[in-house]
Amino acid sequence: MLIPSAYAQAAATAPAPAADAFGGTAMFLMQMLLIGVVFYFLMIRPQQKRAKALRDSLAAIKKNDQVITSGGILGKVSKVADPYVELEVAQGVKIQVVKATITEVIQPVSNKPAND
């Protein structure tokens, strides 16, 4: 006898108005737009800047630059061809790598002693 009255009380609640559903949808879209903007400025844009800087440094590679390849090989550029670069990894040991595998161009280190 108590169970049918409980169902009757639960069925008496009014449905949500249609304007609230639209407001919820608009708020959801605003939140997704905000997340998209934050995602762009914190992740996509910095990555594009790094990629552009690497592209520019690869285009400007010249003889005697020190580079690191994606395999972790550190070497000094001895010859630059269009798709390839010849690296000297040890005295008298030269290897040829694809220019696109270079991940970093290292700035030359000065030979000045440190002032301790």
PDB file of N, CA and C in Angstrom:
ATOM      1  N   MET A   1       0.806  -1.186   0.000  1.00  0.00           N
ATOM      2  CA  MET A   1       0.000   0.000   0.000  1.00  0.00           C
ATOM      3  C   MET A   1       0.860   1.264   0.000  1.00  0.00           C
ATOM      4  N   LEU A   2       2.016   1.234   0.606  1.00  0.00           N
ATOM      5  CA  LEU A   2       2.887   2.396   0.635  1.00  0.00           C
ATOM      6  C   LEU A   2       3.586   2.612  -0.714  1.00  0.00           C
ATOM      7  N   ILE A   3       3.831   1.574  -1.438  1.00  0.00           N
ATOM      8  CA  ILE A   3       4.573   1.675  -2.688  1.00  0.00           C
ATOM      9  C   ILE A   3       3.804   2.458  -3.753  1.00  0.00           C
ATOM     10  N   PRO A   4       2.511   2.213  -4.002  1.00  0.00           N
ATOM     11  CA  PRO A   4       1.806   3.010  -5.031  1.00  0.00           C
ATOM     12  C   PRO A   4       1.772   4.501  -4.712  1.00  0.00           C
ATOM     13  N   SER A   5       1.680   4.888  -3.434  1.00  0.00           N
ATOM     14  CA  SER A   5       1.680   6.312  -3.111  1.00  0.00           C
ATOM     15  C   SER A   5       3.053   6.938  -3.383  1.00  0.00           C
ATOM     16  N   ALA A   6       4.148   6.176  -3.222  1.00  0.00           N
ATOM     17  CA  ALA A   6       5.483   6.698  -3.505  1.00  0.00           C
ATOM     18  C   ALA A   6       5.636   6.955  -4.994  1.00  0.00           C
ATOM     19  N   TYR A   7       5.105   6.061  -5.846  1.00  0.00           N
ATOM     20  CA  TYR A   7       5.146   6.287  -7.284  1.00  0.00           C
ATOM     21  C   TYR A   7       4.339   7.508  -7.679  1.00  0.00           C
ATOM     22  N   ALA A   8       3.243   7.710  -7.015  1.00  0.00           N
ATOM     23  CA  ALA A   8       2.382   8.849  -7.330  1.00  0.00           C
ATOM     24  C   ALA A   8       3.076  10.154  -6.974  1.00  0.00           C
ATOM     25  N   GLN A   9       3.788  10.194  -5.894  1.00  0.00           N
ATOM     26  CA  GLN A   9       4.488  11.406  -5.507  1.00  0.00           C
ATOM     27  C   GLN A   9       5.641  11.706  -6.460  1.00  0.00           C
ATOM     28  N   ALA A  10       6.359  10.698  -6.924  1.00  0.00           N
ATOM     29  CA  ALA A  10       7.474  10.911  -7.832  1.00  0.00           C
ATOM     30  C   ALA A  10       6.991  11.381  -9.200  1.00  0.00           C
ATOM     31  N   ALA A  11       5.824  10.963  -9.638  1.00  0.00           N
ATOM     32  CA  ALA A  11       5.296  11.335 -10.945  1.00  0.00           C
ATOM     33  C   ALA A  11       4.761  12.756 -10.950  1.00  0.00           C
ATOM     34  N   ALA A  12       4.549  13.371  -9.803  1.00  0.00           N
ATOM     35  CA  ALA A  12       3.960  14.700  -9.731  1.00  0.00           C
ATOM     36  C   ALA A  12       4.955  15.816 -10.019  1.00  0.00           C
ATOM     37  N   THR A  13       6.236  15.508 -10.162  1.00  0.00           N
ATOM     38  CA  THR A  13       7.211  16.570 -10.415  1.00  0.00           C
ATOM     39  C   THR A  13       7.033  17.115 -11.830  1.00  0.00           C
ATOM     40  N   ALA A  14       7.256  18.404 -11.991  1.00  0.00           N
ATOM     41  CA  ALA A  14       7.067  19.068 -13.287  1.00  0.00           C
ATOM     42  C   ALA A  14       8.327  18.925 -14.132  1.00  0.00           C
ATOM     43  N   PRO A  15       8.204  18.804 -15.458  1.00  0.00           N
ATOM     44  CA  PRO A  15       9.385  18.742 -16.319  1.00  0.00           C
ATOM     45  C   PRO A  15      10.117  20.085 -16.370  1.00  0.00           C
ATOM     46  N   ALA A  16      11.385  20.035 -16.700  1.00  0.00           N
ATOM     47  CA  ALA A  16      12.187  21.256 -16.770  1.00  0.00           C
ATOM     48  C   ALA A  16      11.709  22.126 -17.929  1.00  0.00           C
ATOM     49  N   PRO A  17      11.701  23.443 -17.764  1.00  0.00           N
ATOM     50  CA  PRO A  17      11.270  24.315 -18.854  1.00  0.00           C
ATOM     51  C   PRO A  17      12.236  24.257 -20.044  1.00  0.00           C
ATOM     52  N   ALA A  18      11.752  24.541 -21.234  1.00  0.00           N
ATOM     53  CA  ALA A  18      12.548  24.449 -22.458  1.00  0.00           C
ATOM     54  C   ALA A  18      13.658  25.504 -22.480  1.00  0.00           C
ATOM     55  N   ALA A  19      13.449  26.658 -21.881  1.00  0.00           N
ATOM     56  CA  ALA A  19      14.454  27.720 -21.872  1.00  0.00           C
ATOM     57  C   ALA A  19      15.694  27.283 -21.096  1.00  0.00           C
ATOM     58  N   ASP A  20      15.517  26.490 -20.037  1.00  0.00           N
ATOM     59  CA  ASP A  20      16.648  26.014 -19.262  1.00  0.00           C
ATOM     60  C   ASP A  20      17.491  25.043 -20.096  1.00  0.00           C
ATOM     61  N   ALA A  21      16.857  24.254 -20.912  1.00  0.00           N
ATOM     62  CA  ALA A  21      17.600  23.331 -21.769  1.00  0.00           C
ATOM     63  C   ALA A  21      18.446  24.096 -22.777  1.00  0.00           C
ATOM     64  N   PHE A  22      17.949  25.167 -23.340  1.00  0.00           N
ATOM     65  CA  PHE A  22      18.714  25.980 -24.273  1.00  0.00           C
ATOM     66  C   PHE A  22      19.870  26.669 -23.564  1.00  0.00           C
ATOM     67  N   GLY A  23      19.621  27.180 -22.365  1.00  0.00           N
ATOM     68  CA  GLY A  23      20.681  27.824 -21.599  1.00  0.00           C
ATOM     69  C   GLY A  23      21.786  26.839 -21.256  1.00  0.00           C
ATOM     70  N   GLY A  24      21.430  25.603 -20.949  1.00  0.00           N
ATOM     71  CA  GLY A  24      22.420  24.576 -20.654  1.00  0.00           C
ATOM     72  C   GLY A  24      23.254  24.242 -21.880  1.00  0.00           C
ATOM     73  N   THR A  25      22.604  24.207 -23.038  1.00  0.00           N
ATOM     74  CA  THR A  25      23.319  23.924 -24.281  1.00  0.00           C
ATOM     75  C   THR A  25      24.269  25.065 -24.625  1.00  0.00           C
ATOM     76  N   ALA A  26      23.801  26.285 -24.473  1.00  0.00           N
ATOM     77  CA  ALA A  26      24.650  27.444 -24.754  1.00  0.00           C
ATOM     78  C   ALA A  26      25.846  27.477 -23.804  1.00  0.00           C
ATOM     79  N   MET A  27      25.620  27.157 -22.537  1.00  0.00           N
ATOM     80  CA  MET A  27      26.718  27.140 -21.567  1.00  0.00           C
ATOM     81  C   MET A  27      27.726  26.043 -21.922  1.00  0.00           C
ATOM     82  N   PHE A  28      27.218  24.888 -22.350  1.00  0.00           N
ATOM     83  CA  PHE A  28      28.101  23.796 -22.750  1.00  0.00           C
ATOM     84  C   PHE A  28      28.960  24.210 -23.945  1.00  0.00           C
ATOM     85  N   LEU A  29      28.359  24.851 -24.926  1.00  0.00           N
ATOM     86  CA  LEU A  29      29.113  25.298 -26.102  1.00  0.00           C
ATOM     87  C   LEU A  29      30.149  26.356 -25.736  1.00  0.00           C
ATOM     88  N   MET A  30      29.806  27.238 -24.832  1.00  0.00           N
ATOM     89  CA  MET A  30      30.764  28.259 -24.375  1.00  0.00           C
ATOM     90  C   MET A  30      31.953  27.598 -23.664  1.00  0.00           C
ATOM     91  N   GLN A  31      31.676  26.598 -22.839  1.00  0.00           N
ATOM     92  CA  GLN A  31      32.748  25.900 -22.139  1.00  0.00           C
ATOM     93  C   GLN A  31      33.655  25.166 -23.127  1.00  0.00           C
ATOM     94  N   MET A  32      33.065  24.514 -24.115  1.00  0.00           N
ATOM     95  CA  MET A  32      33.878  23.809 -25.116  1.00  0.00           C
ATOM     96  C   MET A  32      34.727  24.789 -25.930  1.00  0.00           C
ATOM     97  N   LEU A  33      34.172  25.939 -26.249  1.00  0.00           N
ATOM     98  CA  LEU A  33      34.927  26.965 -26.964  1.00  0.00           C
ATOM     99  C   LEU A  33      36.094  27.467 -26.106  1.00  0.00           C
ATOM    100  N   LEU A  34      35.843  27.689 -24.846  1.00  0.00           N
ATOM    101  CA  LEU A  34      36.890  28.136 -23.927  1.00  0.00           C
ATOM    102  C   LEU A  34      37.994  27.081 -23.809  1.00  0.00           C
ATOM    103  N   ILE A  35      37.620  25.822 -23.701  1.00  0.00           N
ATOM    104  CA  ILE A  35      38.611  24.746 -23.625  1.00  0.00           C
ATOM    105  C   ILE A  35      39.425  24.699 -24.907  1.00  0.00           C
ATOM    106  N   GLY A  36      38.764  24.881 -26.057  1.00  0.00           N
ATOM    107  CA  GLY A  36      39.468  24.890 -27.339  1.00  0.00           C
ATOM    108  C   GLY A  36      40.479  26.022 -27.426  1.00  0.00           C
ATOM    109  N   VAL A  37      40.106  27.214 -26.966  1.00  0.00           N
ATOM    110  CA  VAL A  37      41.010  28.370 -26.999  1.00  0.00           C
ATOM    111  C   VAL A  37      42.209  28.139 -26.081  1.00  0.00           C
ATOM    112  N   VAL A  38      41.950  27.643 -24.885  1.00  0.00           N
ATOM    113  CA  VAL A  38      43.035  27.370 -23.942  1.00  0.00           C
ATOM    114  C   VAL A  38      43.961  26.292 -24.507  1.00  0.00           C
ATOM    115  N   PHE A  39      43.388  25.252 -25.085  1.00  0.00           N
ATOM    116  CA  PHE A  39      44.172  24.174 -25.695  1.00  0.00           C
ATOM    117  C   PHE A  39      45.056  24.724 -26.806  1.00  0.00           C
ATOM    118  N   TYR A  40      44.523  25.621 -27.628  1.00  0.00           N
ATOM    119  CA  TYR A  40      45.301  26.204 -28.718  1.00  0.00           C
ATOM    120  C   TYR A  40      46.487  26.997 -28.190  1.00  0.00           C
ATOM    121  N   PHE A  41      46.250  27.878 -27.204  1.00  0.00           N
ATOM    122  CA  PHE A  41      47.321  28.750 -26.721  1.00  0.00           C
ATOM    123  C   PHE A  41      48.336  28.024 -25.846  1.00  0.00           C
ATOM    124  N   LEU A  42      47.940  26.955 -25.173  1.00  0.00           N
ATOM    125  CA  LEU A  42      48.883  26.265 -24.291  1.00  0.00           C
ATOM    126  C   LEU A  42      49.598  25.100 -24.962  1.00  0.00           C
ATOM    127  N   MET A  43      49.026  24.531 -26.033  1.00  0.00           N
ATOM    128  CA  MET A  43      49.648  23.349 -26.623  1.00  0.00           C
ATOM    129  C   MET A  43      49.966  23.503 -28.109  1.00  0.00           C
ATOM    130  N   ILE A  44      49.031  23.916 -28.901  1.00  0.00           N
ATOM    131  CA  ILE A  44      49.227  23.927 -30.354  1.00  0.00           C
ATOM    132  C   ILE A  44      50.158  25.048 -30.781  1.00  0.00           C
ATOM    133  N   ARG A  45      49.934  26.249 -30.316  1.00  0.00           N
ATOM    134  CA  ARG A  45      50.733  27.402 -30.738  1.00  0.00           C
ATOM    135  C   ARG A  45      52.211  27.269 -30.356  1.00  0.00           C
ATOM    136  N   PRO A  46      52.543  26.870 -29.119  1.00  0.00           N
ATOM    137  CA  PRO A  46      53.971  26.695 -28.798  1.00  0.00           C
ATOM    138  C   PRO A  46      54.633  25.610 -29.643  1.00  0.00           C
ATOM    139  N   GLN A  47      53.899  24.538 -29.942  1.00  0.00           N
ATOM    140  CA  GLN A  47      54.474  23.481 -30.767  1.00  0.00           C
ATOM    141  C   GLN A  47      54.740  23.987 -32.179  1.00  0.00           C
ATOM    142  N   GLN A  48      53.841  24.805 -32.715  1.00  0.00           N
ATOM    143  CA  GLN A  48      54.054  25.377 -34.039  1.00  0.00           C
ATOM    144  C   GLN A  48      55.266  26.307 -34.046  1.00  0.00           C
ATOM    145  N   LYS A  49      55.458  27.058 -32.971  1.00  0.00           N
ATOM    146  CA  LYS A  49      56.625  27.941 -32.880  1.00  0.00           C
ATOM    147  C   LYS A  49      57.920  27.136 -32.860  1.00  0.00           C
ATOM    148  N   ARG A  50      57.938  26.026 -32.070  1.00  0.00           N
ATOM    149  CA  ARG A  50      59.131  25.185 -32.021  1.00  0.00           C
ATOM    150  C   ARG A  50      59.413  24.553 -33.382  1.00  0.00           C
ATOM    151  N   ALA A  51      58.364  24.104 -34.066  1.00  0.00           N
ATOM    152  CA  ALA A  51      58.548  23.486 -35.376  1.00  0.00           C
ATOM    153  C   ALA A  51      59.086  24.500 -36.381  1.00  0.00           C
ATOM    154  N   LYS A  52      58.605  25.736 -36.312  1.00  0.00           N
ATOM    155  CA  LYS A  52      59.083  26.772 -37.230  1.00  0.00           C
ATOM    156  C   LYS A  52      60.549  27.108 -36.934  1.00  0.00           C
ATOM    157  N   ALA A  53      60.901  27.186 -35.666  1.00  0.00           N
ATOM    158  CA  ALA A  53      62.289  27.480 -35.300  1.00  0.00           C
ATOM    159  C   ALA A  53      63.216  26.357 -35.768  1.00  0.00           C
ATOM    160  N   LEU A  54      62.791  25.102 -35.645  1.00  0.00           N
ATOM    161  CA  LEU A  54      63.603  23.987 -36.116  1.00  0.00           C
ATOM    162  C   LEU A  54      63.731  24.015 -37.634  1.00  0.00           C
ATOM    163  N   ARG A  55      62.642  24.310 -38.332  1.00  0.00           N
ATOM    164  CA  ARG A  55      62.687  24.416 -39.797  1.00  0.00           C
ATOM    165  C   ARG A  55      63.673  25.485 -40.230  1.00  0.00           C
ATOM    166  N   ASP A  56      63.637  26.626 -39.557  1.00  0.00           N
ATOM    167  CA  ASP A  56      64.554  27.722 -39.897  1.00  0.00           C
ATOM    168  C   ASP A  56      66.008  27.341 -39.610  1.00  0.00           C
ATOM    169  N   SER A  57      66.252  26.682 -38.492  1.00  0.00           N
ATOM    170  CA  SER A  57      67.628  26.296 -38.164  1.00  0.00           C
ATOM    171  C   SER A  57      68.129  25.202 -39.107  1.00  0.00           C
ATOM    172  N   LEU A  58      67.261  24.296 -39.557  1.00  0.00           N
ATOM    173  CA  LEU A  58      67.681  23.279 -40.530  1.00  0.00           C
ATOM    174  C   LEU A  58      68.013  23.913 -41.873  1.00  0.00           C
ATOM    175  N   ALA A  59      67.278  24.933 -42.240  1.00  0.00           N
ATOM    176  CA  ALA A  59      67.554  25.608 -43.507  1.00  0.00           C
ATOM    177  C   ALA A  59      68.873  26.376 -43.444  1.00  0.00           C
ATOM    178  N   ALA A  60      69.293  26.769 -42.242  1.00  0.00           N
ATOM    179  CA  ALA A  60      70.503  27.574 -42.091  1.00  0.00           C
ATOM    180  C   ALA A  60      71.722  26.757 -41.658  1.00  0.00           C
ATOM    181  N   ILE A  61      71.635  25.437 -41.706  1.00  0.00           N
ATOM    182  CA  ILE A  61      72.783  24.608 -41.300  1.00  0.00           C
ATOM    183  C   ILE A  61      73.949  24.841 -42.250  1.00  0.00           C
ATOM    184  N   LYS A  62      75.119  24.984 -41.644  1.00  0.00           N
ATOM    185  CA  LYS A  62      76.326  25.192 -42.450  1.00  0.00           C
ATOM    186  C   LYS A  62      77.446  24.344 -41.866  1.00  0.00           C
ATOM    187  N   LYS A  63      78.559  24.337 -42.534  1.00  0.00           N
ATOM    188  CA  LYS A  63      79.710  23.560 -42.106  1.00  0.00           C
ATOM    189  C   LYS A  63      80.171  24.023 -40.721  1.00  0.00           C
ATOM    190  N   ASN A  64      80.627  23.095 -39.909  1.00  0.00           N
ATOM    191  CA  ASN A  64      81.140  23.292 -38.549  1.00  0.00           C
ATOM    192  C   ASN A  64      80.060  23.539 -37.503  1.00  0.00           C
ATOM    193  N   ASP A  65      78.779  23.435 -37.851  1.00  0.00           N
ATOM    194  CA  ASP A  65      77.717  23.493 -36.835  1.00  0.00           C
ATOM    195  C   ASP A  65      77.661  22.157 -36.114  1.00  0.00           C
ATOM    196  N   GLN A  66      77.351  22.191 -34.836  1.00  0.00           N
ATOM    197  CA  GLN A  66      77.160  20.952 -34.092  1.00  0.00           C
ATOM    198  C   GLN A  66      75.670  20.669 -34.030  1.00  0.00           C
ATOM    199  N   VAL A  67      75.299  19.399 -34.273  1.00  0.00           N
ATOM    200  CA  VAL A  67      73.887  19.014 -34.311  1.00  0.00           C
ATOM    201  C   VAL A  67      73.666  17.725 -33.532  1.00  0.00           C
ATOM    202  N   ILE A  68      72.412  17.499 -33.164  1.00  0.00           N
ATOM    203  CA  ILE A  68      71.980  16.254 -32.546  1.00  0.00           C
ATOM    204  C   ILE A  68      70.902  15.664 -33.442  1.00  0.00           C
ATOM    205  N   THR A  69      71.020  14.366 -33.745  1.00  0.00           N
ATOM    206  CA  THR A  69      70.016  13.708 -34.573  1.00  0.00           C
ATOM    207  C   THR A  69      68.940  13.094 -33.683  1.00  0.00           C
ATOM    208  N   SER A  70      67.873  12.610 -34.311  1.00  0.00           N
ATOM    209  CA  SER A  70      66.797  11.996 -33.536  1.00  0.00           C
ATOM    210  C   SER A  70      67.244  10.688 -32.890  1.00  0.00           C
ATOM    211  N   GLY A  71      68.307  10.083 -33.395  1.00  0.00           N
ATOM    212  CA  GLY A  71      68.861   8.876 -32.785  1.00  0.00           C
ATOM    213  C   GLY A  71      69.814   9.175 -31.650  1.00  0.00           C
ATOM    214  N   GLY A  72      70.083  10.440 -31.384  1.00  0.00           N
ATOM    215  CA  GLY A  72      70.961  10.826 -30.284  1.00  0.00           C
ATOM    216  C   GLY A  72      72.414  10.967 -30.677  1.00  0.00           C
ATOM    217  N   ILE A  73      72.691  10.994 -31.955  1.00  0.00           N
ATOM    218  CA  ILE A  73      74.080  11.138 -32.416  1.00  0.00           C
ATOM    219  C   ILE A  73      74.460  12.611 -32.407  1.00  0.00           C
ATOM    220  N   LEU A  74      75.572  12.905 -31.762  1.00  0.00           N
ATOM    221  CA  LEU A  74      76.104  14.261 -31.708  1.00  0.00           C
ATOM    222  C   LEU A  74      77.258  14.337 -32.689  1.00  0.00           C
ATOM    223  N   GLY A  75      77.228  15.332 -33.566  1.00  0.00           N
ATOM    224  CA  GLY A  75      78.300  15.436 -34.538  1.00  0.00           C
ATOM    225  C   GLY A  75      78.469  16.840 -35.053  1.00  0.00           C
ATOM    226  N   LYS A  76      79.568  17.035 -35.747  1.00  0.00           N
ATOM    227  CA  LYS A  76      79.885  18.324 -36.355  1.00  0.00           C
ATOM    228  C   LYS A  76      79.641  18.190 -37.854  1.00  0.00           C
ATOM    229  N   VAL A  77      78.938  19.170 -38.432  1.00  0.00           N
ATOM    230  CA  VAL A  77      78.616  19.130 -39.849  1.00  0.00           C
ATOM    231  C   VAL A  77      79.886  19.367 -40.650  1.00  0.00           C
ATOM    232  N   SER A  78      80.169  18.419 -41.580  1.00  0.00           N
ATOM    233  CA  SER A  78      81.343  18.582 -42.430  1.00  0.00           C
ATOM    234  C   SER A  78      80.961  18.864 -43.877  1.00  0.00           C
ATOM    235  N   LYS A  79      79.749  18.496 -44.264  1.00  0.00           N
ATOM    236  CA  LYS A  79      79.304  18.759 -45.626  1.00  0.00           C
ATOM    237  C   LYS A  79      77.777  18.786 -45.641  1.00  0.00           C
ATOM    238  N   VAL A  80      77.214  19.741 -46.380  1.00  0.00           N
ATOM    239  CA  VAL A  80      75.762  19.873 -46.474  1.00  0.00           C
ATOM    240  C   VAL A  80      75.351  19.642 -47.918  1.00  0.00           C
ATOM    241  N   ALA A  81      74.540  18.631 -48.144  1.00  0.00           N
ATOM    242  CA  ALA A  81      73.916  18.399 -49.447  1.00  0.00           C
ATOM    243  C   ALA A  81      72.426  18.682 -49.261  1.00  0.00           C
ATOM    244  N   ASP A  82      71.650  18.608 -50.336  1.00  0.00           N
ATOM    245  CA  ASP A  82      70.245  18.989 -50.204  1.00  0.00           C
ATOM    246  C   ASP A  82      69.468  18.122 -49.217  1.00  0.00           C
ATOM    247  N   PRO A  83      69.310  16.816 -49.442  1.00  0.00           N
ATOM    248  CA  PRO A  83      68.543  16.077 -48.440  1.00  0.00           C
ATOM    249  C   PRO A  83      69.419  15.454 -47.353  1.00  0.00           C
ATOM    250  N   TYR A  84      70.738  15.491 -47.514  1.00  0.00           N
ATOM    251  CA  TYR A  84      71.643  14.824 -46.579  1.00  0.00           C
ATOM    252  C   TYR A  84      72.634  15.801 -45.964  1.00  0.00           C
ATOM    253  N   VAL A  85      73.148  15.383 -44.820  1.00  0.00           N
ATOM    254  CA  VAL A  85      74.201  16.131 -44.132  1.00  0.00           C
ATOM    255  C   VAL A  85      75.259  15.113 -43.717  1.00  0.00           C
ATOM    256  N   GLU A  86      76.505  15.465 -43.914  1.00  0.00           N
ATOM    257  CA  GLU A  86      77.586  14.596 -43.474  1.00  0.00           C
ATOM    258  C   GLU A  86      78.077  15.098 -42.128  1.00  0.00           C
ATOM    259  N   LEU A  87      78.088  14.192 -41.154  1.00  0.00           N
ATOM    260  CA  LEU A  87      78.504  14.541 -39.796  1.00  0.00           C
ATOM    261  C   LEU A  87      79.812  13.850 -39.459  1.00  0.00           C
ATOM    262  N   GLU A  88      80.673  14.568 -38.774  1.00  0.00           N
ATOM    263  CA  GLU A  88      81.889  13.970 -38.234  1.00  0.00           C
ATOM    264  C   GLU A  88      81.613  13.686 -36.759  1.00  0.00           C
ATOM    265  N   VAL A  89      81.511  12.395 -36.438  1.00  0.00           N
ATOM    266  CA  VAL A  89      81.157  12.006 -35.072  1.00  0.00           C
ATOM    267  C   VAL A  89      82.387  11.754 -34.209  1.00  0.00           C
ATOM    268  N   ALA A  90      83.504  11.468 -34.837  1.00  0.00           N
ATOM    269  CA  ALA A  90      84.796  11.329 -34.159  1.00  0.00           C
ATOM    270  C   ALA A  90      85.847  11.752 -35.172  1.00  0.00           C
ATOM    271  N   GLN A  91      87.064  11.906 -34.715  1.00  0.00           N
ATOM    272  CA  GLN A  91      88.103  12.363 -35.633  1.00  0.00           C
ATOM    273  C   GLN A  91      88.309  11.322 -36.738  1.00  0.00           C
ATOM    274  N   GLY A  92      88.025  11.730 -37.974  1.00  0.00           N
ATOM    275  CA  GLY A  92      88.172  10.854 -39.120  1.00  0.00           C
ATOM    276  C   GLY A  92      86.994   9.933 -39.380  1.00  0.00           C
ATOM    277  N   VAL A  93      85.954   9.963 -38.523  1.00  0.00           N
ATOM    278  CA  VAL A  93      84.767   9.111 -38.704  1.00  0.00           C
ATOM    279  C   VAL A  93      83.613  10.003 -39.153  1.00  0.00           C
ATOM    280  N   LYS A  94      83.158   9.774 -40.384  1.00  0.00           N
ATOM    281  CA  LYS A  94      82.081  10.591 -40.934  1.00  0.00           C
ATOM    282  C   LYS A  94      80.910   9.694 -41.300  1.00  0.00           C
ATOM    283  N   ILE A  95      79.716  10.180 -41.009  1.00  0.00           N
ATOM    284  CA  ILE A  95      78.498   9.466 -41.388  1.00  0.00           C
ATOM    285  C   ILE A  95      77.596  10.433 -42.136  1.00  0.00           C
ATOM    286  N   GLN A  96      76.711   9.866 -42.926  1.00  0.00           N
ATOM    287  CA  GLN A  96      75.777  10.690 -43.684  1.00  0.00           C
ATOM    288  C   GLN A  96      74.380  10.433 -43.120  1.00  0.00           C
ATOM    289  N   VAL A  97      73.670  11.503 -42.758  1.00  0.00           N
ATOM    290  CA  VAL A  97      72.320  11.385 -42.202  1.00  0.00           C
ATOM    291  C   VAL A  97      71.365  12.247 -43.026  1.00  0.00           C
ATOM    292  N   VAL A  98      70.102  11.898 -42.944  1.00  0.00           N
ATOM    293  CA  VAL A  98      69.072  12.691 -43.602  1.00  0.00           C
ATOM    294  C   VAL A  98      68.878  13.969 -42.799  1.00  0.00           C
ATOM    295  N   LYS A  99      68.775  15.065 -43.487  1.00  0.00           N
ATOM    296  CA  LYS A  99      68.667  16.375 -42.828  1.00  0.00           C
ATOM    297  C   LYS A  99      67.441  16.452 -41.918  1.00  0.00           C
ATOM    298  N   ALA A 100      66.360  15.763 -42.289  1.00  0.00           N
ATOM    299  CA  ALA A 100      65.131  15.817 -41.501  1.00  0.00           C
ATOM    300  C   ALA A 100      65.256  15.124 -40.150  1.00  0.00           C
ATOM    301  N   THR A 101      66.273  14.287 -39.960  1.00  0.00           N
ATOM    302  CA  THR A 101      66.436  13.606 -38.673  1.00  0.00           C
ATOM    303  C   THR A 101      67.160  14.464 -37.642  1.00  0.00           C
ATOM    304  N   ILE A 102      67.643  15.605 -38.038  1.00  0.00           N
ATOM    305  CA  ILE A 102      68.303  16.505 -37.086  1.00  0.00           C
ATOM    306  C   ILE A 102      67.248  17.169 -36.229  1.00  0.00           C
ATOM    307  N   THR A 103      67.398  17.034 -34.912  1.00  0.00           N
ATOM    308  CA  THR A 103      66.407  17.578 -33.987  1.00  0.00           C
ATOM    309  C   THR A 103      66.845  18.874 -33.329  1.00  0.00           C
ATOM    310  N   GLU A 104      68.156  19.136 -33.324  1.00  0.00           N
ATOM    311  CA  GLU A 104      68.627  20.344 -32.645  1.00  0.00           C
ATOM    312  C   GLU A 104      69.961  20.785 -33.220  1.00  0.00           C
ATOM    313  N   VAL A 105      70.096  22.068 -33.406  1.00  0.00           N
ATOM    314  CA  VAL A 105      71.375  22.663 -33.792  1.00  0.00           C
ATOM    315  C   VAL A 105      71.925  23.323 -32.538  1.00  0.00           C
ATOM    316  N   ILE A 106      73.105  22.872 -32.110  1.00  0.00           N
ATOM    317  CA  ILE A 106      73.690  23.353 -30.856  1.00  0.00           C
ATOM    318  C   ILE A 106      74.523  24.592 -31.141  1.00  0.00           C
ATOM    319  N   GLN A 107      74.357  25.587 -30.315  1.00  0.00           N
ATOM    320  CA  GLN A 107      75.143  26.809 -30.435  1.00  0.00           C
ATOM    321  C   GLN A 107      76.574  26.501 -30.016  1.00  0.00           C
ATOM    322  N   PRO A 108      77.561  27.066 -30.702  1.00  0.00           N
ATOM    323  CA  PRO A 108      78.958  26.785 -30.341  1.00  0.00           C
ATOM    324  C   PRO A 108      79.270  27.275 -28.932  1.00  0.00           C
ATOM    325  N   VAL A 109      80.048  26.463 -28.238  1.00  0.00           N
ATOM    326  CA  VAL A 109      80.440  26.792 -26.859  1.00  0.00           C
ATOM    327  C   VAL A 109      81.772  27.511 -26.923  1.00  0.00           C
ATOM    328  N   SER A 110      81.856  28.622 -26.209  1.00  0.00           N
ATOM    329  CA  SER A 110      83.130  29.364 -26.209  1.00  0.00           C
ATOM    330  C   SER A 110      84.163  28.609 -25.385  1.00  0.00           C
ATOM    331  N   ASN A 111      85.409  28.800 -25.705  1.00  0.00           N
ATOM    332  CA  ASN A 111      86.490  28.118 -25.006  1.00  0.00           C
ATOM    333  C   ASN A 111      87.045  28.927 -23.848  1.00  0.00           C
ATOM    334  N   LYS A 112      86.310  29.919 -23.400  1.00  0.00           N
ATOM    335  CA  LYS A 112      86.764  30.734 -22.287  1.00  0.00           C
ATOM    336  C   LYS A 112      86.633  29.927 -20.986  1.00  0.00           C
ATOM    337  N   PRO A 113      87.590  30.026 -20.111  1.00  0.00           N
ATOM    338  CA  PRO A 113      87.480  29.321 -18.832  1.00  0.00           C
ATOM    339  C   PRO A 113      86.425  29.984 -17.943  1.00  0.00           C
ATOM    340  N   ALA A 114      85.836  29.190 -17.108  1.00  0.00           N
ATOM    341  CA  ALA A 114      84.835  29.718 -16.194  1.00  0.00           C
ATOM    342  C   ALA A 114      85.515  30.487 -15.072  1.00  0.00           C
ATOM    343  N   ASN A 115      84.883  31.535 -14.620  1.00  0.00           N
ATOM    344  CA  ASN A 115      85.415  32.329 -13.505  1.00  0.00           C
ATOM    345  C   ASN A 115      84.829  31.779 -12.208  1.00  0.00           C
ATOM    346  N   ASP A 116      85.557  30.870 -11.589  1.00  0.00           N
ATOM    347  CA  ASP A 116      85.055  30.260 -10.360  1.00  0.00           C
ATOM    348  C   ASP A 116      85.293  31.130  -9.170  1.00  0.00           C
TER     349      ASP A 116
END
